[in-house]
Every structure is written in structure tokens, then in C-alpha cells.
């Protein structure tokens, strides 16, 4: 699993993503506790598009915080249930009455 400290710069994160051939990093505190996720899309939309300096912008400033974390000891049905419950709660907070159709591919 590719990780980065929340205090690191976005530039350092982008370099790590390139080196490890990944599109996202789990953001952790010094203790190793996950506190967010940083995706290549976050970098484009929240850093480059807003003309922020990747060399001085910290990951914490632009990451998606409070990730839903699944442990490797959890059963897949429990993970799916928890994920669905979190999505439903997020939609309710946003005022979305129901899920819309999502495009799928094989």
C-alpha cells in the first residue's frame, strides 16, 4: 500500500505516485493512522487548477479526509455494507434523494 505523511508536500506525493506507478496514496499521520487519501485527480483539481504551488502545498490541505477504512480481517459483506451505509449517509447530507444510474463496463 502506497502511503504519504499528511505533512509532506504535494510535489513529494506526485513523485512517489510516479515512482510507485499508483494513482492514489493513503495519507497517514506519524503514528501510521490513516487520515485521508490523495489522488492524482485531487492534485489536478485542487492544486494545479487552483494554481497552487505543489512544492509548498501540504498534502493535508488538499487530501480527501476521513477515509472509510476496511481491515483485512473483515468479511467482504461487512465492508460492502459499511461502504453502502456511508454512501447513503453522504447522499442524504447532500440532499440527493436516491442513487442515480452509474455507467458500468465489463
N, C-alpha and C. Protein backbone atom coordinates (compact mmCIF):
# COMPACT_ATOMS: atom_id res chain seq x y z
N UNK A 1 0.85 -1.17 0.00
CA UNK A 1 0.00 0.00 0.00
C UNK A 1 0.90 1.24 0.00
N UNK A 2 0.65 2.14 -0.92
CA UNK A 2 1.43 3.37 -1.04
C UNK A 2 0.89 4.41 -0.08
N UNK A 3 1.78 4.99 0.72
CA UNK A 3 1.36 5.97 1.72
C UNK A 3 2.20 7.23 1.64
N UNK A 4 1.70 8.28 2.28
CA UNK A 4 2.43 9.54 2.42
C UNK A 4 2.00 10.18 3.72
N UNK A 5 2.89 10.93 4.31
CA UNK A 5 2.56 11.68 5.52
C UNK A 5 1.76 12.92 5.14
N UNK A 6 0.81 13.27 5.98
CA UNK A 6 -0.05 14.43 5.73
C UNK A 6 0.75 15.72 5.64
N UNK A 7 1.92 15.75 6.26
CA UNK A 7 2.75 16.95 6.29
C UNK A 7 3.66 17.09 5.07
N UNK A 8 3.74 16.06 4.24
CA UNK A 8 4.59 16.14 3.06
C UNK A 8 3.97 17.07 2.02
N UNK A 9 4.79 17.50 1.07
CA UNK A 9 4.28 18.37 0.02
C UNK A 9 3.60 17.55 -1.07
N UNK A 10 2.75 18.21 -1.82
CA UNK A 10 2.08 17.58 -2.94
C UNK A 10 3.12 17.16 -3.99
N UNK A 11 4.18 17.95 -4.15
CA UNK A 11 5.25 17.60 -5.09
C UNK A 11 5.86 16.25 -4.72
N UNK A 12 6.17 16.07 -3.44
CA UNK A 12 6.74 14.79 -2.99
C UNK A 12 5.76 13.65 -3.24
N UNK A 13 4.46 13.91 -3.01
CA UNK A 13 3.45 12.88 -3.24
C UNK A 13 3.37 12.50 -4.71
N UNK A 14 3.39 13.51 -5.59
CA UNK A 14 3.32 13.24 -7.03
C UNK A 14 4.52 12.41 -7.49
N UNK A 15 5.68 12.73 -6.96
CA UNK A 15 6.88 11.96 -7.30
C UNK A 15 6.76 10.51 -6.83
N UNK A 16 6.22 10.32 -5.63
CA UNK A 16 6.03 8.96 -5.11
C UNK A 16 5.02 8.19 -5.95
N UNK A 17 3.92 8.85 -6.34
CA UNK A 17 2.93 8.19 -7.20
C UNK A 17 3.57 7.73 -8.51
N UNK A 18 4.41 8.58 -9.08
CA UNK A 18 5.08 8.22 -10.34
C UNK A 18 6.03 7.05 -10.12
N UNK A 19 6.85 7.11 -9.07
CA UNK A 19 7.81 6.05 -8.78
C UNK A 19 7.13 4.71 -8.51
N UNK A 20 5.99 4.75 -7.82
CA UNK A 20 5.31 3.51 -7.44
C UNK A 20 4.21 3.11 -8.41
N UNK A 21 4.02 3.89 -9.47
CA UNK A 21 3.02 3.59 -10.50
C UNK A 21 1.62 3.43 -9.91
N UNK A 22 1.22 4.41 -9.08
CA UNK A 22 -0.11 4.40 -8.48
C UNK A 22 -0.79 5.74 -8.72
N UNK A 23 -2.11 5.75 -8.62
CA UNK A 23 -2.87 6.97 -8.82
C UNK A 23 -3.41 7.56 -7.54
N UNK A 24 -3.07 6.93 -6.40
CA UNK A 24 -3.56 7.42 -5.11
C UNK A 24 -2.61 6.98 -4.00
N UNK A 25 -2.58 7.79 -2.96
CA UNK A 25 -1.79 7.47 -1.77
C UNK A 25 -2.71 7.54 -0.55
N UNK A 26 -2.55 6.59 0.35
CA UNK A 26 -3.23 6.68 1.64
C UNK A 26 -2.41 7.65 2.48
N UNK A 27 -3.07 8.66 3.01
CA UNK A 27 -2.39 9.68 3.81
C UNK A 27 -2.46 9.29 5.27
N UNK A 28 -1.30 9.30 5.93
CA UNK A 28 -1.22 8.85 7.32
C UNK A 28 -0.56 9.92 8.18
N UNK A 29 -0.82 9.81 9.48
CA UNK A 29 -0.11 10.61 10.48
C UNK A 29 1.20 9.90 10.80
N UNK A 30 2.05 10.53 11.60
CA UNK A 30 3.31 9.91 12.01
C UNK A 30 3.09 8.55 12.66
N UNK A 31 1.96 8.37 13.32
CA UNK A 31 1.64 7.12 14.02
C UNK A 31 1.25 6.00 13.06
N UNK A 32 1.02 6.35 11.79
CA UNK A 32 0.56 5.36 10.82
C UNK A 32 -0.94 5.31 10.67
N UNK A 33 -1.66 6.10 11.45
CA UNK A 33 -3.13 6.15 11.39
C UNK A 33 -3.57 6.82 10.09
N UNK A 34 -4.42 6.14 9.28
CA UNK A 34 -4.91 6.77 8.05
C UNK A 34 -5.81 7.96 8.36
N UNK A 35 -5.57 9.08 7.67
CA UNK A 35 -6.38 10.29 7.88
C UNK A 35 -6.98 10.82 6.59
N UNK A 36 -6.61 10.22 5.46
CA UNK A 36 -7.14 10.70 4.20
C UNK A 36 -6.59 9.92 3.02
N UNK A 37 -6.97 10.38 1.84
CA UNK A 37 -6.46 9.81 0.61
C UNK A 37 -6.18 10.96 -0.34
N UNK A 38 -5.10 10.84 -1.10
CA UNK A 38 -4.74 11.84 -2.10
C UNK A 38 -4.69 11.13 -3.45
N UNK A 39 -5.47 11.61 -4.39
CA UNK A 39 -5.50 11.01 -5.72
C UNK A 39 -4.86 11.96 -6.73
N UNK A 40 -4.52 11.39 -7.89
CA UNK A 40 -3.98 12.24 -8.95
C UNK A 40 -5.01 13.29 -9.36
N UNK A 41 -6.28 12.95 -9.27
CA UNK A 41 -7.34 13.93 -9.58
C UNK A 41 -7.35 15.07 -8.56
N UNK A 42 -7.11 14.76 -7.27
CA UNK A 42 -7.01 15.81 -6.25
C UNK A 42 -5.91 16.80 -6.62
N UNK A 43 -4.79 16.27 -7.09
CA UNK A 43 -3.66 17.13 -7.45
C UNK A 43 -4.05 18.05 -8.61
N UNK A 44 -4.70 17.48 -9.63
CA UNK A 44 -5.10 18.29 -10.79
C UNK A 44 -6.13 19.34 -10.40
N UNK A 45 -7.19 18.91 -9.70
CA UNK A 45 -8.31 19.82 -9.41
C UNK A 45 -8.04 20.79 -8.28
N UNK A 46 -7.36 20.35 -7.23
CA UNK A 46 -7.21 21.18 -6.04
C UNK A 46 -5.87 21.90 -5.95
N UNK A 47 -4.92 21.49 -6.79
CA UNK A 47 -3.62 22.15 -6.75
C UNK A 47 -3.36 22.87 -8.08
N UNK A 48 -3.23 22.12 -9.14
CA UNK A 48 -2.90 22.72 -10.44
C UNK A 48 -3.98 23.67 -10.93
N UNK A 49 -5.23 23.23 -10.88
CA UNK A 49 -6.33 24.07 -11.37
C UNK A 49 -6.47 25.36 -10.57
N UNK A 50 -6.14 25.31 -9.29
CA UNK A 50 -6.22 26.50 -8.43
C UNK A 50 -4.89 27.27 -8.40
N UNK A 51 -3.96 26.85 -9.24
CA UNK A 51 -2.65 27.50 -9.37
C UNK A 51 -1.90 27.59 -8.05
N UNK A 52 -1.98 26.50 -7.27
CA UNK A 52 -1.22 26.42 -6.03
C UNK A 52 0.15 25.82 -6.33
N UNK A 53 1.10 26.10 -5.51
CA UNK A 53 2.46 25.60 -5.70
C UNK A 53 2.58 24.20 -5.08
N UNK A 54 2.78 23.16 -5.89
CA UNK A 54 2.89 21.80 -5.35
C UNK A 54 4.08 21.63 -4.41
N UNK A 55 5.07 22.49 -4.57
CA UNK A 55 6.26 22.39 -3.73
C UNK A 55 6.09 22.96 -2.34
N UNK A 56 5.03 23.75 -2.13
CA UNK A 56 4.79 24.33 -0.80
C UNK A 56 3.43 23.94 -0.23
N UNK A 57 2.57 23.36 -1.04
CA UNK A 57 1.25 22.94 -0.56
C UNK A 57 1.37 21.58 0.12
N UNK A 58 0.86 21.49 1.34
CA UNK A 58 0.92 20.20 2.05
C UNK A 58 -0.22 19.29 1.58
N UNK A 59 0.02 18.02 1.70
CA UNK A 59 -1.00 17.04 1.34
C UNK A 59 -2.26 17.27 2.16
N UNK A 60 -2.11 17.57 3.44
CA UNK A 60 -3.26 17.78 4.33
C UNK A 60 -4.22 18.84 3.78
N UNK A 61 -3.69 19.85 3.10
CA UNK A 61 -4.51 20.94 2.58
C UNK A 61 -5.44 20.51 1.45
N UNK A 62 -5.10 19.45 0.73
CA UNK A 62 -5.85 19.10 -0.48
C UNK A 62 -6.36 17.66 -0.52
N UNK A 63 -6.05 16.87 0.49
CA UNK A 63 -6.48 15.47 0.51
C UNK A 63 -7.98 15.37 0.80
N UNK A 64 -8.55 14.22 0.52
CA UNK A 64 -9.91 13.90 0.95
C UNK A 64 -9.76 13.26 2.33
N UNK A 65 -10.33 13.90 3.34
CA UNK A 65 -10.15 13.46 4.73
C UNK A 65 -11.17 12.41 5.15
N UNK A 66 -10.92 11.83 6.30
CA UNK A 66 -11.81 10.87 6.95
C UNK A 66 -12.17 9.68 6.06
N UNK A 67 -11.18 8.91 5.65
CA UNK A 67 -11.47 7.77 4.78
C UNK A 67 -12.19 6.66 5.54
N UNK A 68 -12.99 5.91 4.82
CA UNK A 68 -13.60 4.70 5.38
C UNK A 68 -12.54 3.62 5.23
N UNK A 69 -12.18 3.01 6.33
CA UNK A 69 -11.08 2.05 6.33
C UNK A 69 -11.61 0.65 6.59
N UNK A 70 -11.16 -0.30 5.78
CA UNK A 70 -11.50 -1.71 5.99
C UNK A 70 -10.25 -2.45 6.42
N UNK A 71 -10.40 -3.29 7.40
CA UNK A 71 -9.29 -4.11 7.88
C UNK A 71 -9.27 -5.43 7.12
N UNK A 72 -8.10 -6.02 6.98
CA UNK A 72 -8.00 -7.28 6.23
C UNK A 72 -8.66 -8.45 6.97
N UNK A 73 -9.07 -8.22 8.20
CA UNK A 73 -9.76 -9.27 8.96
C UNK A 73 -11.27 -9.22 8.79
N UNK A 74 -11.78 -8.15 8.15
CA UNK A 74 -13.22 -8.00 7.96
C UNK A 74 -13.70 -8.83 6.77
N UNK A 75 -14.91 -9.33 6.89
CA UNK A 75 -15.52 -10.07 5.78
C UNK A 75 -15.96 -9.09 4.72
N UNK A 76 -15.94 -9.52 3.46
CA UNK A 76 -16.27 -8.64 2.35
C UNK A 76 -17.70 -8.12 2.45
N UNK A 77 -18.65 -8.94 2.93
CA UNK A 77 -20.03 -8.46 3.04
C UNK A 77 -20.15 -7.33 4.07
N UNK A 78 -19.33 -7.37 5.12
CA UNK A 78 -19.32 -6.30 6.11
C UNK A 78 -18.77 -5.01 5.51
N UNK A 79 -17.73 -5.15 4.71
CA UNK A 79 -17.12 -3.99 4.06
C UNK A 79 -18.11 -3.34 3.09
N UNK A 80 -18.80 -4.17 2.30
CA UNK A 80 -19.78 -3.65 1.34
C UNK A 80 -20.91 -2.94 2.09
N UNK A 81 -21.40 -3.53 3.16
CA UNK A 81 -22.48 -2.92 3.94
C UNK A 81 -22.05 -1.57 4.50
N UNK A 82 -20.85 -1.51 5.09
CA UNK A 82 -20.34 -0.26 5.66
C UNK A 82 -20.16 0.80 4.59
N UNK A 83 -19.63 0.40 3.45
CA UNK A 83 -19.43 1.34 2.35
C UNK A 83 -20.76 1.89 1.87
N UNK A 84 -21.76 1.02 1.69
CA UNK A 84 -23.07 1.45 1.24
C UNK A 84 -23.71 2.39 2.25
N UNK A 85 -23.58 2.09 3.52
CA UNK A 85 -24.15 2.94 4.56
C UNK A 85 -23.51 4.33 4.54
N UNK A 86 -22.20 4.38 4.32
CA UNK A 86 -21.51 5.67 4.25
C UNK A 86 -21.93 6.46 3.02
N UNK A 87 -22.08 5.81 1.88
CA UNK A 87 -22.52 6.49 0.67
C UNK A 87 -23.95 7.02 0.86
N UNK A 88 -24.82 6.21 1.46
CA UNK A 88 -26.20 6.63 1.70
C UNK A 88 -26.25 7.85 2.61
N UNK A 89 -25.44 7.85 3.66
CA UNK A 89 -25.41 8.99 4.58
C UNK A 89 -24.89 10.24 3.88
N UNK A 90 -23.87 10.07 3.03
CA UNK A 90 -23.32 11.19 2.29
C UNK A 90 -24.36 11.79 1.34
N UNK A 91 -25.12 10.93 0.68
CA UNK A 91 -26.16 11.39 -0.24
C UNK A 91 -27.26 12.12 0.52
N UNK A 92 -27.62 11.62 1.69
CA UNK A 92 -28.66 12.26 2.50
C UNK A 92 -28.21 13.66 2.93
N UNK A 93 -26.94 13.79 3.34
CA UNK A 93 -26.42 15.11 3.74
C UNK A 93 -26.42 16.08 2.56
N UNK A 94 -26.19 15.55 1.37
CA UNK A 94 -26.14 16.40 0.17
C UNK A 94 -27.53 16.69 -0.38
N UNK A 95 -28.55 16.04 0.17
CA UNK A 95 -29.91 16.26 -0.30
C UNK A 95 -30.27 15.46 -1.54
N UNK A 96 -29.50 14.45 -1.85
CA UNK A 96 -29.79 13.60 -3.00
C UNK A 96 -30.76 12.50 -2.55
N UNK A 97 -31.96 12.45 -3.10
CA UNK A 97 -32.96 11.51 -2.61
C UNK A 97 -32.67 10.04 -2.91
N UNK A 98 -31.97 9.76 -4.00
CA UNK A 98 -31.69 8.36 -4.34
C UNK A 98 -30.49 8.30 -5.26
N UNK A 99 -29.94 7.13 -5.36
CA UNK A 99 -28.79 6.94 -6.24
C UNK A 99 -29.20 7.04 -7.70
N UNK A 100 -28.36 7.63 -8.48
CA UNK A 100 -28.59 7.70 -9.91
C UNK A 100 -27.89 6.52 -10.57
N UNK A 101 -28.30 6.21 -11.78
CA UNK A 101 -27.67 5.12 -12.52
C UNK A 101 -26.20 5.47 -12.78
N UNK A 102 -25.35 4.49 -12.61
CA UNK A 102 -23.93 4.69 -12.86
C UNK A 102 -23.53 3.85 -14.07
N UNK A 103 -22.74 4.41 -14.97
CA UNK A 103 -22.30 3.62 -16.12
C UNK A 103 -21.39 2.50 -15.66
N UNK A 104 -21.54 1.35 -16.24
CA UNK A 104 -20.72 0.19 -15.91
C UNK A 104 -20.12 -0.37 -17.18
N UNK A 105 -19.00 -1.02 -17.06
CA UNK A 105 -18.41 -1.68 -18.23
C UNK A 105 -17.87 -3.03 -17.79
N UNK A 106 -17.70 -3.89 -18.74
CA UNK A 106 -17.17 -5.23 -18.44
C UNK A 106 -15.69 -5.26 -18.63
